[in-house]
Amino acid sequence: MKNVSLGHVTAKGIEFEGIYYSCHLAIYEDWFDTARVEGDWKILIVYDSSDQELIEIFHTLSQKWVVARRISSSATQGPQHARHEDFHESVDECIKLGER
């Protein structure tokens, strides 16, 4: 069952229920650097309570939902424990967006 809630964009990633997430759009648009400089902000998310690996975030500019993947198992770990495969996958998606 899908639920709607609010997460926070922070310098460490998109934080929801103590877990950090990232997506190609956040990296492409420098959300995390912006949060570091200007402060955190709230973001609308949809999540499946039985699966903490993915959340969907609403991108207000494009009016579309974007999938974000978990990059840490807890807020205390932060991005230094990001899974490299997910990071590189997000970077590859950014490159594809830039080629359009």
PDB file of N, CA and C in Angstrom:
ATOM      1  N   MET A   1       0.837  -1.173   0.000  1.00  0.00           N
ATOM      2  CA  MET A   1       0.000   0.000   0.000  1.00  0.00           C
ATOM      3  C   MET A   1       0.887   1.243   0.000  1.00  0.00           C
ATOM      4  N   LYS A   2       0.565   2.191  -0.854  1.00  0.00           N
ATOM      5  CA  LYS A   2       1.342   3.421  -0.941  1.00  0.00           C
ATOM      6  C   LYS A   2       0.780   4.471  -0.003  1.00  0.00           C
ATOM      7  N   ASN A   3       1.698   5.230   0.603  1.00  0.00           N
ATOM      8  CA  ASN A   3       1.350   6.292   1.542  1.00  0.00           C
ATOM      9  C   ASN A   3       1.970   7.597   1.072  1.00  0.00           C
ATOM     10  N   VAL A   4       1.411   8.707   1.492  1.00  0.00           N
ATOM     11  CA  VAL A   4       1.933  10.031   1.162  1.00  0.00           C
ATOM     12  C   VAL A   4       2.453  10.673   2.442  1.00  0.00           C
ATOM     13  N   SER A   5       3.599  11.332   2.335  1.00  0.00           N
ATOM     14  CA  SER A   5       4.183  11.998   3.491  1.00  0.00           C
ATOM     15  C   SER A   5       5.123  13.098   3.015  1.00  0.00           C
ATOM     16  N   LEU A   6       5.835  13.690   3.955  1.00  0.00           N
ATOM     17  CA  LEU A   6       6.841  14.699   3.644  1.00  0.00           C
ATOM     18  C   LEU A   6       8.215  14.202   4.044  1.00  0.00           C
ATOM     19  N   GLY A   7       9.189  14.453   3.185  1.00  0.00           N
ATOM     20  CA  GLY A   7      10.580  14.207   3.494  1.00  0.00           C
ATOM     21  C   GLY A   7      11.287  15.550   3.519  1.00  0.00           C
ATOM     22  N   HIS A   8      12.591  15.519   3.729  1.00  0.00           N
ATOM     23  CA  HIS A   8      13.383  16.746   3.770  1.00  0.00           C
ATOM     24  C   HIS A   8      14.581  16.620   2.843  1.00  0.00           C
ATOM     25  N   VAL A   9      14.788  17.626   2.014  1.00  0.00           N
ATOM     26  CA  VAL A   9      16.006  17.686   1.217  1.00  0.00           C
ATOM     27  C   VAL A   9      17.063  18.333   2.095  1.00  0.00           C
ATOM     28  N   THR A  10      18.151  17.621   2.308  1.00  0.00           N
ATOM     29  CA  THR A  10      19.246  18.097   3.155  1.00  0.00           C
ATOM     30  C   THR A  10      20.556  18.017   2.370  1.00  0.00           C
ATOM     31  N   ALA A  11      21.607  18.507   2.960  1.00  0.00           N
ATOM     32  CA  ALA A  11      22.927  18.417   2.330  1.00  0.00           C
ATOM     33  C   ALA A  11      23.393  16.966   2.193  1.00  0.00           C
ATOM     34  N   LYS A  12      22.861  16.076   3.027  1.00  0.00           N
ATOM     35  CA  LYS A  12      23.254  14.670   2.997  1.00  0.00           C
ATOM     36  C   LYS A  12      22.393  13.818   2.068  1.00  0.00           C
ATOM     37  N   GLY A  13      21.266  14.339   1.622  1.00  0.00           N
ATOM     38  CA  GLY A  13      20.369  13.585   0.756  1.00  0.00           C
ATOM     39  C   GLY A  13      18.928  13.892   1.107  1.00  0.00           C
ATOM     40  N   ILE A  14      18.027  13.156   0.505  1.00  0.00           N
ATOM     41  CA  ILE A  14      16.599  13.294   0.804  1.00  0.00           C
ATOM     42  C   ILE A  14      16.317  12.407   2.008  1.00  0.00           C
ATOM     43  N   GLU A  15      16.024  13.013   3.138  1.00  0.00           N
ATOM     44  CA  GLU A  15      15.835  12.271   4.378  1.00  0.00           C
ATOM     45  C   GLU A  15      14.354  11.983   4.591  1.00  0.00           C
ATOM     46  N   PHE A  16      14.066  10.704   4.855  1.00  0.00           N
ATOM     47  CA  PHE A  16      12.706  10.286   5.187  1.00  0.00           C
ATOM     48  C   PHE A  16      12.791   9.161   6.206  1.00  0.00           C
ATOM     49  N   GLU A  17      12.164   9.367   7.339  1.00  0.00           N
ATOM     50  CA  GLU A  17      12.144   8.397   8.427  1.00  0.00           C
ATOM     51  C   GLU A  17      13.536   7.899   8.796  1.00  0.00           C
ATOM     52  N   GLY A  18      14.498   8.821   8.847  1.00  0.00           N
ATOM     53  CA  GLY A  18      15.848   8.476   9.274  1.00  0.00           C
ATOM     54  C   GLY A  18      16.717   7.818   8.230  1.00  0.00           C
ATOM     55  N   ILE A  19      16.239   7.726   6.998  1.00  0.00           N
ATOM     56  CA  ILE A  19      16.989   7.100   5.917  1.00  0.00           C
ATOM     57  C   ILE A  19      17.203   8.143   4.829  1.00  0.00           C
ATOM     58  N   TYR A  20      18.382   8.113   4.206  1.00  0.00           N
ATOM     59  CA  TYR A  20      18.694   9.035   3.119  1.00  0.00           C
ATOM     60  C   TYR A  20      18.485   8.370   1.763  1.00  0.00           C
ATOM     61  N   TYR A  21      17.968   9.172   0.839  1.00  0.00           N
ATOM     62  CA  TYR A  21      17.698   8.741  -0.531  1.00  0.00           C
ATOM     63  C   TYR A  21      18.313   9.749  -1.495  1.00  0.00           C
ATOM     64  N   SER A  22      18.500   9.321  -2.739  1.00  0.00           N
ATOM     65  CA  SER A  22      18.965  10.219  -3.785  1.00  0.00           C
ATOM     66  C   SER A  22      18.339   9.795  -5.108  1.00  0.00           C
ATOM     67  N   CYS A  23      18.373  10.714  -6.064  1.00  0.00           N
ATOM     68  CA  CYS A  23      17.871  10.395  -7.403  1.00  0.00           C
ATOM     69  C   CYS A  23      18.631  11.240  -8.418  1.00  0.00           C
ATOM     70  N   HIS A  24      18.509  10.857  -9.677  1.00  0.00           N
ATOM     71  CA  HIS A  24      19.229  11.558 -10.731  1.00  0.00           C
ATOM     72  C   HIS A  24      18.853  13.035 -10.791  1.00  0.00           C
ATOM     73  N   LEU A  25      17.605  13.360 -10.562  1.00  0.00           N
ATOM     74  CA  LEU A  25      17.141  14.742 -10.652  1.00  0.00           C
ATOM     75  C   LEU A  25      17.768  15.608  -9.549  1.00  0.00           C
ATOM     76  N   ALA A  26      17.843  15.089  -8.345  1.00  0.00           N
ATOM     77  CA  ALA A  26      18.435  15.829  -7.229  1.00  0.00           C
ATOM     78  C   ALA A  26      19.911  16.122  -7.493  1.00  0.00           C
ATOM     79  N   ILE A  27      20.611  15.163  -8.063  1.00  0.00           N
ATOM     80  CA  ILE A  27      22.020  15.359  -8.393  1.00  0.00           C
ATOM     81  C   ILE A  27      22.148  16.349  -9.548  1.00  0.00           C
ATOM     82  N   TYR A  28      21.361  16.158 -10.583  1.00  0.00           N
ATOM     83  CA  TYR A  28      21.408  17.018 -11.770  1.00  0.00           C
ATOM     84  C   TYR A  28      21.110  18.475 -11.424  1.00  0.00           C
ATOM     85  N   GLU A  29      20.164  18.695 -10.530  1.00  0.00           N
ATOM     86  CA  GLU A  29      19.759  20.051 -10.158  1.00  0.00           C
ATOM     87  C   GLU A  29      20.474  20.574  -8.907  1.00  0.00           C
ATOM     88  N   ASP A  30      21.472  19.856  -8.411  1.00  0.00           N
ATOM     89  CA  ASP A  30      22.287  20.283  -7.265  1.00  0.00           C
ATOM     90  C   ASP A  30      21.477  20.551  -6.000  1.00  0.00           C
ATOM     91  N   TRP A  31      20.477  19.737  -5.723  1.00  0.00           N
ATOM     92  CA  TRP A  31      19.636  19.940  -4.542  1.00  0.00           C
ATOM     93  C   TRP A  31      20.448  19.905  -3.254  1.00  0.00           C
ATOM     94  N   PHE A  32      21.402  18.990  -3.164  1.00  0.00           N
ATOM     95  CA  PHE A  32      22.112  18.785  -1.910  1.00  0.00           C
ATOM     96  C   PHE A  32      23.062  19.952  -1.608  1.00  0.00           C
ATOM     97  N   ASP A  33      23.705  20.471  -2.636  1.00  0.00           N
ATOM     98  CA  ASP A  33      24.530  21.665  -2.447  1.00  0.00           C
ATOM     99  C   ASP A  33      23.665  22.864  -2.083  1.00  0.00           C
ATOM    100  N   THR A  34      22.510  22.979  -2.728  1.00  0.00           N
ATOM    101  CA  THR A  34      21.587  24.073  -2.417  1.00  0.00           C
ATOM    102  C   THR A  34      21.129  23.983  -0.965  1.00  0.00           C
ATOM    103  N   ALA A  35      20.811  22.788  -0.506  1.00  0.00           N
ATOM    104  CA  ALA A  35      20.383  22.600   0.887  1.00  0.00           C
ATOM    105  C   ALA A  35      21.508  22.951   1.854  1.00  0.00           C
ATOM    106  N   ARG A  36      22.736  22.635   1.491  1.00  0.00           N
ATOM    107  CA  ARG A  36      23.885  22.955   2.337  1.00  0.00           C
ATOM    108  C   ARG A  36      24.032  24.473   2.485  1.00  0.00           C
ATOM    109  N   VAL A  37      23.819  25.206   1.398  1.00  0.00           N
ATOM    110  CA  VAL A  37      24.009  26.658   1.402  1.00  0.00           C
ATOM    111  C   VAL A  37      22.778  27.401   1.927  1.00  0.00           C
ATOM    112  N   GLU A  38      21.584  26.998   1.452  1.00  0.00           N
ATOM    113  CA  GLU A  38      20.362  27.743   1.743  1.00  0.00           C
ATOM    114  C   GLU A  38      19.499  27.133   2.844  1.00  0.00           C
ATOM    115  N   GLY A  39      19.810  25.907   3.234  1.00  0.00           N
ATOM    116  CA  GLY A  39      19.032  25.232   4.267  1.00  0.00           C
ATOM    117  C   GLY A  39      18.114  24.162   3.692  1.00  0.00           C
ATOM    118  N   ASP A  40      17.650  23.287   4.572  1.00  0.00           N
ATOM    119  CA  ASP A  40      16.778  22.169   4.191  1.00  0.00           C
ATOM    120  C   ASP A  40      15.415  22.672   3.750  1.00  0.00           C
ATOM    121  N   TRP A  41      14.714  21.818   2.982  1.00  0.00           N
ATOM    122  CA  TRP A  41      13.319  22.111   2.657  1.00  0.00           C
ATOM    123  C   TRP A  41      12.530  20.815   2.571  1.00  0.00           C
ATOM    124  N   LYS A  42      11.227  20.945   2.691  1.00  0.00           N
ATOM    125  CA  LYS A  42      10.337  19.783   2.664  1.00  0.00           C
ATOM    126  C   LYS A  42       9.997  19.416   1.222  1.00  0.00           C
ATOM    127  N   ILE A  43       9.728  18.120   1.035  1.00  0.00           N
ATOM    128  CA  ILE A  43       9.372  17.624  -0.289  1.00  0.00           C
ATOM    129  C   ILE A  43       8.303  16.541  -0.139  1.00  0.00           C
ATOM    130  N   LEU A  44       7.331  16.552  -1.023  1.00  0.00           N
ATOM    131  CA  LEU A  44       6.252  15.570  -1.011  1.00  0.00           C
ATOM    132  C   LEU A  44       6.762  14.233  -1.526  1.00  0.00           C
ATOM    133  N   ILE A  45       6.449  13.174  -0.795  1.00  0.00           N
ATOM    134  CA  ILE A  45       6.879  11.837  -1.216  1.00  0.00           C
ATOM    135  C   ILE A  45       5.729  10.843  -1.120  1.00  0.00           C
ATOM    136  N   VAL A  46       5.880   9.779  -1.893  1.00  0.00           N
ATOM    137  CA  VAL A  46       5.004   8.610  -1.816  1.00  0.00           C
ATOM    138  C   VAL A  46       5.911   7.430  -1.506  1.00  0.00           C
ATOM    139  N   TYR A  47       5.476   6.581  -0.588  1.00  0.00           N
ATOM    140  CA  TYR A  47       6.309   5.443  -0.218  1.00  0.00           C
ATOM    141  C   TYR A  47       5.443   4.220   0.064  1.00  0.00           C
ATOM    142  N   ASP A  48       6.076   3.071  -0.039  1.00  0.00           N
ATOM    143  CA  ASP A  48       5.462   1.792   0.305  1.00  0.00           C
ATOM    144  C   ASP A  48       6.050   1.384   1.645  1.00  0.00           C
ATOM    145  N   SER A  49       5.224   1.299   2.665  1.00  0.00           N
ATOM    146  CA  SER A  49       5.721   1.016   4.012  1.00  0.00           C
ATOM    147  C   SER A  49       6.420  -0.343   4.123  1.00  0.00           C
ATOM    148  N   SER A  50       6.227  -1.231   3.163  1.00  0.00           N
ATOM    149  CA  SER A  50       6.880  -2.537   3.215  1.00  0.00           C
ATOM    150  C   SER A  50       8.206  -2.560   2.447  1.00  0.00           C
ATOM    151  N   ASP A  51       8.580  -1.436   1.812  1.00  0.00           N
ATOM    152  CA  ASP A  51       9.812  -1.392   1.021  1.00  0.00           C
ATOM    153  C   ASP A  51      10.511  -0.053   1.238  1.00  0.00           C
ATOM    154  N   GLN A  52      11.625  -0.069   1.991  1.00  0.00           N
ATOM    155  CA  GLN A  52      12.356   1.162   2.279  1.00  0.00           C
ATOM    156  C   GLN A  52      13.468   1.443   1.272  1.00  0.00           C
ATOM    157  N   GLU A  53      13.574   0.644   0.231  1.00  0.00           N
ATOM    158  CA  GLU A  53      14.628   0.846  -0.764  1.00  0.00           C
ATOM    159  C   GLU A  53      14.328   2.014  -1.703  1.00  0.00           C
ATOM    160  N   LEU A  54      13.045   2.276  -1.953  1.00  0.00           N
ATOM    161  CA  LEU A  54      12.652   3.311  -2.909  1.00  0.00           C
ATOM    162  C   LEU A  54      11.571   4.207  -2.328  1.00  0.00           C
ATOM    163  N   ILE A  55      11.615   5.478  -2.714  1.00  0.00           N
ATOM    164  CA  ILE A  55      10.503   6.391  -2.484  1.00  0.00           C
ATOM    165  C   ILE A  55      10.283   7.135  -3.792  1.00  0.00           C
ATOM    166  N   GLU A  56       9.143   7.746  -3.932  1.00  0.00           N
ATOM    167  CA  GLU A  56       8.893   8.600  -5.080  1.00  0.00           C
ATOM    168  C   GLU A  56       8.760  10.022  -4.566  1.00  0.00           C
ATOM    169  N   ILE A  57       9.428  10.945  -5.244  1.00  0.00           N
ATOM    170  CA  ILE A  57       9.354  12.347  -4.850  1.00  0.00           C
ATOM    171  C   ILE A  57       8.656  13.132  -5.948  1.00  0.00           C
ATOM    172  N   PHE A  58       7.941  14.164  -5.541  1.00  0.00           N
ATOM    173  CA  PHE A  58       7.226  14.975  -6.519  1.00  0.00           C
ATOM    174  C   PHE A  58       8.072  16.175  -6.905  1.00  0.00           C
ATOM    175  N   HIS A  59       8.367  16.287  -8.197  1.00  0.00           N
ATOM    176  CA  HIS A  59       9.139  17.403  -8.739  1.00  0.00           C
ATOM    177  C   HIS A  59       8.161  18.465  -9.212  1.00  0.00           C
ATOM    178  N   THR A  60       8.095  19.549  -8.471  1.00  0.00           N
ATOM    179  CA  THR A  60       7.069  20.569  -8.740  1.00  0.00           C
ATOM    180  C   THR A  60       7.257  21.250 -10.087  1.00  0.00           C
ATOM    181  N   LEU A  61       8.491  21.417 -10.524  1.00  0.00           N
ATOM    182  CA  LEU A  61       8.739  22.097 -11.793  1.00  0.00           C
ATOM    183  C   LEU A  61       8.173  21.320 -12.975  1.00  0.00           C
ATOM    184  N   SER A  62       8.432  20.016 -13.015  1.00  0.00           N
ATOM    185  CA  SER A  62       7.958  19.186 -14.132  1.00  0.00           C
ATOM    186  C   SER A  62       6.587  18.569 -13.860  1.00  0.00           C
ATOM    187  N   GLN A  63       6.119  18.689 -12.601  1.00  0.00           N
ATOM    188  CA  GLN A  63       4.843  18.092 -12.194  1.00  0.00           C
ATOM    189  C   GLN A  63       4.847  16.578 -12.395  1.00  0.00           C
ATOM    190  N   LYS A  64       5.991  15.942 -12.113  1.00  0.00           N
ATOM    191  CA  LYS A  64       6.138  14.496 -12.278  1.00  0.00           C
ATOM    192  C   LYS A  64       6.699  13.867 -11.009  1.00  0.00           C
ATOM    193  N   TRP A  65       6.422  12.577 -10.843  1.00  0.00           N
ATOM    194  CA  TRP A  65       6.986  11.793  -9.746  1.00  0.00           C
ATOM    195  C   TRP A  65       8.290  11.176 -10.219  1.00  0.00           C
ATOM    196  N   VAL A  66       9.302  11.195  -9.349  1.00  0.00           N
ATOM    197  CA  VAL A  66      10.628  10.673  -9.662  1.00  0.00           C
ATOM    198  C   VAL A  66      11.009   9.666  -8.582  1.00  0.00           C
ATOM    199  N   VAL A  67      11.573   8.533  -8.996  1.00  0.00           N
ATOM    200  CA  VAL A  67      11.992   7.499  -8.053  1.00  0.00           C
ATOM    201  C   VAL A  67      13.335   7.875  -7.438  1.00  0.00           C
ATOM    202  N   ALA A  68      13.423   7.769  -6.119  1.00  0.00           N
ATOM    203  CA  ALA A  68      14.679   7.986  -5.385  1.00  0.00           C
ATOM    204  C   ALA A  68      15.048   6.679  -4.694  1.00  0.00           C
ATOM    205  N   ARG A  69      16.332   6.362  -4.711  1.00  0.00           N
ATOM    206  CA  ARG A  69      16.834   5.124  -4.119  1.00  0.00           C
ATOM    207  C   ARG A  69      17.540   5.395  -2.793  1.00  0.00           C
ATOM    208  N   ARG A  70      17.440   4.438  -1.908  1.00  0.00           N
ATOM    209  CA  ARG A  70      18.104   4.549  -0.602  1.00  0.00           C
ATOM    210  C   ARG A  70      19.617   4.559  -0.790  1.00  0.00           C
ATOM    211  N   ILE A  71      20.299   5.495  -0.096  1.00  0.00           N
ATOM    212  CA  ILE A  71      21.762   5.558  -0.168  1.00  0.00           C
ATOM    213  C   ILE A  71      22.413   5.300   1.179  1.00  0.00           C
ATOM    214  N   SER A  72      21.616   5.184   2.248  1.00  0.00           N
ATOM    215  CA  SER A  72      22.171   4.824   3.556  1.00  0.00           C
ATOM    216  C   SER A  72      21.098   4.111   4.366  1.00  0.00           C
ATOM    217  N   SER A  73      21.541   3.365   5.361  1.00  0.00           N
ATOM    218  CA  SER A  73      20.577   2.639   6.177  1.00  0.00           C
ATOM    219  C   SER A  73      20.090   3.441   7.366  1.00  0.00           C
ATOM    220  N   SER A  74      20.743   4.591   7.646  1.00  0.00           N
ATOM    221  CA  SER A  74      20.270   5.434   8.747  1.00  0.00           C
ATOM    222  C   SER A  74      20.808   6.844   8.595  1.00  0.00           C
ATOM    223  N   ALA A  75      20.158   7.767   9.266  1.00  0.00           N
ATOM    224  CA  ALA A  75      20.569   9.165   9.187  1.00  0.00           C
ATOM    225  C   ALA A  75      21.974   9.375   9.737  1.00  0.00           C
ATOM    226  N   THR A  76      22.405   8.524  10.656  1.00  0.00           N
ATOM    227  CA  THR A  76      23.731   8.705  11.243  1.00  0.00           C
ATOM    228  C   THR A  76      24.835   8.288  10.282  1.00  0.00           C
ATOM    229  N   GLN A  77      24.523   7.422   9.339  1.00  0.00           N
ATOM    230  CA  GLN A  77      25.542   6.997   8.387  1.00  0.00           C
ATOM    231  C   GLN A  77      25.791   8.059   7.327  1.00  0.00           C
ATOM    232  N   GLY A  78      24.753   8.721   6.872  1.00  0.00           N
ATOM    233  CA  GLY A  78      24.914   9.762   5.870  1.00  0.00           C
ATOM    234  C   GLY A  78      25.449   9.219   4.558  1.00  0.00           C
ATOM    235  N   PRO A  79      25.836  10.115   3.663  1.00  0.00           N
ATOM    236  CA  PRO A  79      26.213   9.717   2.313  1.00  0.00           C
ATOM    237  C   PRO A  79      27.542   8.998   2.203  1.00  0.00           C
ATOM    238  N   GLN A  80      28.408   9.046   3.230  1.00  0.00           N
ATOM    239  CA  GLN A  80      29.686   8.359   3.107  1.00  0.00           C
ATOM    240  C   GLN A  80      29.509   6.851   2.972  1.00  0.00           C
ATOM    241  N   HIS A  81      28.349   6.334   3.334  1.00  0.00           N
ATOM    242  CA  HIS A  81      28.076   4.907   3.203  1.00  0.00           C
ATOM    243  C   HIS A  81      27.166   4.613   2.012  1.00  0.00           C
ATOM    244  N   ALA A  82      27.103   5.550   1.074  1.00  0.00           N
ATOM    245  CA  ALA A  82      26.253   5.364  -0.106  1.00  0.00           C
ATOM    246  C   ALA A  82      26.718   4.144  -0.889  1.00  0.00           C
ATOM    247  N   ARG A  83      25.759   3.466  -1.451  1.00  0.00           N
ATOM    248  CA  ARG A  83      26.099   2.339  -2.305  1.00  0.00           C
ATOM    249  C   ARG A  83      26.600   2.879  -3.635  1.00  0.00           C
ATOM    250  N   HIS A  84      27.794   2.506  -4.010  1.00  0.00           N
ATOM    251  CA  HIS A  84      28.417   3.065  -5.201  1.00  0.00           C
ATOM    252  C   HIS A  84      27.612   2.788  -6.470  1.00  0.00           C
ATOM    253  N   GLU A  85      26.978   1.645  -6.559  1.00  0.00           N
ATOM    254  CA  GLU A  85      26.203   1.320  -7.750  1.00  0.00           C
ATOM    255  C   GLU A  85      25.062   2.329  -7.933  1.00  0.00           C
ATOM    256  N   ASP A  86      24.367   2.642  -6.855  1.00  0.00           N
ATOM    257  CA  ASP A  86      23.265   3.598  -6.925  1.00  0.00           C
ATOM    258  C   ASP A  86      23.766   4.980  -7.296  1.00  0.00           C
ATOM    259  N   PHE A  87      24.908   5.374  -6.728  1.00  0.00           N
ATOM    260  CA  PHE A  87      25.469   6.678  -7.040  1.00  0.00           C
ATOM    261  C   PHE A  87      25.823   6.759  -8.525  1.00  0.00           C
ATOM    262  N   HIS A  88      26.528   5.762  -9.014  1.00  0.00           N
ATOM    263  CA  HIS A  88      26.944   5.784 -10.416  1.00  0.00           C
ATOM    264  C   HIS A  88      25.746   5.698 -11.353  1.00  0.00           C
ATOM    265  N   GLU A  89      24.733   4.965 -10.957  1.00  0.00           N
ATOM    266  CA  GLU A  89      23.509   4.900 -11.759  1.00  0.00           C
ATOM    267  C   GLU A  89      22.858   6.283 -11.835  1.00  0.00           C
ATOM    268  N   SER A  90      22.830   6.993 -10.731  1.00  0.00           N
ATOM    269  CA  SER A  90      22.263   8.345 -10.716  1.00  0.00           C
ATOM    270  C   SER A  90      23.084   9.296 -11.575  1.00  0.00           C
ATOM    271  N   VAL A  91      24.402   9.181 -11.506  1.00  0.00           N
ATOM    272  CA  VAL A  91      25.258  10.031 -12.334  1.00  0.00           C
ATOM    273  C   VAL A  91      25.030   9.731 -13.808  1.00  0.00           C
ATOM    274  N   ASP A  92      24.935   8.464 -14.175  1.00  0.00           N
ATOM    275  CA  ASP A  92      24.668   8.094 -15.569  1.00  0.00           C
ATOM    276  C   ASP A  92      23.350   8.686 -16.055  1.00  0.00           C
ATOM    277  N   GLU A  93      22.321   8.674 -15.197  1.00  0.00           N
ATOM    278  CA  GLU A  93      21.035   9.259 -15.567  1.00  0.00           C
ATOM    279  C   GLU A  93      21.161  10.768 -15.758  1.00  0.00           C
ATOM    280  N   CYS A  94      21.975  11.429 -14.945  1.00  0.00           N
ATOM    281  CA  CYS A  94      22.216  12.875 -15.098  1.00  0.00           C
ATOM    282  C   CYS A  94      22.865  13.174 -16.442  1.00  0.00           C
ATOM    283  N   ILE A  95      23.846  12.358 -16.802  1.00  0.00           N
ATOM    284  CA  ILE A  95      24.531  12.552 -18.071  1.00  0.00           C
ATOM    285  C   ILE A  95      23.560  12.408 -19.228  1.00  0.00           C
ATOM    286  N   LYS A  96      22.688  11.415 -19.153  1.00  0.00           N
ATOM    287  CA  LYS A  96      21.680  11.232 -20.208  1.00  0.00           C
ATOM    288  C   LYS A  96      20.748  12.437 -20.278  1.00  0.00           C
ATOM    289  N   LEU A  97      20.352  12.977 -19.124  1.00  0.00           N
ATOM    290  CA  LEU A  97      19.491  14.167 -19.114  1.00  0.00           C
ATOM    291  C   LEU A  97      20.194  15.347 -19.764  1.00  0.00           C
ATOM    292  N   GLY A  98      21.488  15.494 -19.510  1.00  0.00           N
ATOM    293  CA  GLY A  98      22.255  16.591 -20.076  1.00  0.00           C
ATOM    294  C   GLY A  98      22.440  16.486 -21.587  1.00  0.00           C
ATOM    295  N   GLU A  99      22.352  15.280 -22.121  1.00  0.00           N
ATOM    296  CA  GLU A  99      22.521  15.072 -23.559  1.00  0.00           C
ATOM    297  C   GLU A  99      21.258  15.396 -24.337  1.00  0.00           C
ATOM    298  N   ARG A 100      20.152  15.556 -23.657  1.00  0.00           N
ATOM    299  CA  ARG A 100      18.877  15.827 -24.341  1.00  0.00           C
ATOM    300  C   ARG A 100      18.790  17.238 -24.838  1.00  0.00           C
TER     301      ARG A 100
END
